[in-house]
Protein backbone atom coordinates (compact mmCIF):
# COMPACT_ATOMS: atom_id res chain seq x y z
CA MET A 1 88.42 116.54 67.44
CA GLU A 2 85.01 116.01 65.84
CA GLN A 3 86.02 112.47 64.86
CA LEU A 4 86.88 111.73 68.47
CA ASP A 5 83.51 113.00 69.64
CA LEU A 6 81.78 110.71 67.19
CA ARG A 7 83.78 107.68 68.40
CA THR A 8 82.94 108.48 71.97
CA GLN A 9 79.22 108.80 71.21
CA PHE A 10 79.28 105.54 69.30
CA GLY A 11 81.16 103.80 72.15
CA LYS A 12 78.54 105.09 74.63
CA ALA A 13 75.69 103.84 72.40
CA VAL A 14 77.31 100.38 72.20
CA VAL A 15 77.71 100.19 76.00
CA ILE A 16 74.09 101.23 76.52
CA LEU A 17 72.92 98.55 74.00
CA ILE A 18 75.02 95.90 75.76
CA VAL A 19 73.62 96.85 79.18
CA ALA A 20 70.03 96.88 77.83
CA ILE A 21 70.50 93.39 76.37
CA ALA A 22 72.01 92.14 79.65
CA ALA A 23 69.14 93.54 81.60
CA VAL A 24 66.55 91.89 79.41
CA LEU A 25 68.41 88.53 79.69
CA VAL A 26 68.54 88.80 83.48
CA TYR A 27 64.82 89.64 83.64
CA GLU A 28 63.85 86.74 81.36
CA SER A 29 66.10 84.30 83.11
CA PHE A 30 65.53 85.07 86.74
CA ILE A 31 62.67 87.51 87.37
CA ALA A 32 59.89 86.83 84.80
CA ASP A 33 57.12 84.54 86.15
CA LYS A 34 56.69 81.79 83.65
CA SER A 35 54.77 79.48 85.89
CA GLY A 36 51.53 80.13 84.04
CA ASP A 37 53.03 78.35 81.00
CA GLU A 38 53.84 75.20 82.95
CA PHE A 39 51.64 72.12 83.02
CA LYS A 40 50.86 71.65 86.73
CA PRO A 41 47.35 70.33 87.31
CA LYS A 42 46.03 70.16 90.85
CA GLU A 43 45.16 67.00 92.69
CA ASN A 44 41.82 65.38 91.93
CA GLN A 45 40.86 67.51 88.94
CA PRO A 46 38.99 65.85 86.12
CA CYS A 47 41.22 63.83 83.79
CA GLU A 48 41.49 65.14 80.23
CA GLY A 49 41.57 63.06 77.05
CA THR A 50 41.10 59.37 76.55
CA ALA A 51 42.21 56.61 78.92
CA ILE A 52 45.26 54.41 78.53
CA GLU A 53 44.44 51.38 80.61
CA VAL A 54 47.40 49.66 82.26
CA ASP A 55 47.54 46.30 83.92
CA TYR A 56 49.01 47.47 87.33
CA PRO A 57 47.78 49.51 90.24
CA TYR A 58 48.85 53.03 91.13
CA HIS A 59 50.42 53.55 94.61
CA GLY A 60 52.06 56.90 93.99
CA GLY A 61 55.35 57.99 92.44
CA MET A 62 57.18 57.05 89.33
CA LEU A 63 56.25 53.71 87.80
CA GLY A 64 57.47 51.87 84.69
CA PRO A 65 56.96 51.63 81.82
CA HIS A 66 56.39 54.93 80.00
CA ALA A 67 52.60 54.59 79.86
CA CYS A 68 51.90 57.90 78.06
CA SER A 69 54.13 57.00 75.13
CA PRO A 70 51.16 56.36 72.78
CA GLN A 71 50.41 60.09 73.07
CA CYS A 72 53.76 60.75 71.31
CA ASP A 73 52.48 58.86 68.25
CA ASP A 74 48.74 59.59 68.07
CA GLU A 75 48.93 63.21 69.27
CA VAL A 76 45.69 62.74 71.26
CA GLN A 77 45.48 63.89 74.93
CA HIS A 78 45.43 60.85 77.31
CA PHE A 79 45.45 59.94 80.96
CA ILE A 80 46.53 56.70 82.59
CA LEU A 81 43.82 54.54 84.20
CA TYR A 82 45.21 51.92 86.69
CA THR A 83 43.66 48.66 87.85
CA ASN A 84 42.82 50.11 91.27
CA GLY A 85 40.65 52.82 89.65
CA LYS A 86 43.16 55.64 90.22
CA ALA A 87 44.22 57.84 87.26
CA THR A 88 47.01 60.26 86.40
CA GLN A 89 47.21 62.85 83.66
CA CYS A 90 49.67 62.61 80.75
CA GLN A 91 51.57 65.77 80.00
CA LYS A 92 49.80 68.32 77.79
CA LEU A 93 50.34 67.95 74.03
CA PRO A 94 52.72 68.15 72.31
CA GLY A 95 54.45 66.49 75.31
CA CYS A 96 53.97 62.88 76.27
CA LEU A 97 55.49 62.35 79.65
CA ASP A 98 53.78 60.46 82.52
CA TRP A 99 53.52 63.79 84.26
CA GLY A 100 50.84 63.00 86.86
CA GLU A 101 52.37 59.68 87.74
CA ASP A 102 55.88 61.14 88.08
CA GLN A 103 54.64 64.04 90.26
CA GLY A 104 52.32 61.89 92.42
CA VAL A 105 49.24 63.88 91.26
CA THR A 106 46.00 61.92 90.48
CA CYS A 107 43.08 63.06 88.40
CA VAL A 108 39.39 61.92 88.46
CA PRO A 109 38.56 59.82 85.46
CA PRO A 110 35.17 60.27 83.68
CA GLN A 111 32.28 58.27 85.30
CA ALA A 112 34.32 57.72 88.48
């Protein structure tokens, strides 16, 4: 009888542990606000880093080629400066995506 009680208590403890783990996973996956961790600069904020000058104008939206790719290699923060004076921010390090360009968000280059 005592052994059966011990098994029942152990079984209840395992169920409680599984429910607690599931609750934490649900919270982290669906409820927790992780937007503060994301790189989402606002329109017309000052550009950060050094310029990567390209030989084409910016008219909004995704353009080719992958202009922020030098940031992958030199690990220095950059922004893209276009021939029409507009600029977009590269993704924050350690990333190197053309974030501002892809999202249609421009930044203000230094001395603009």
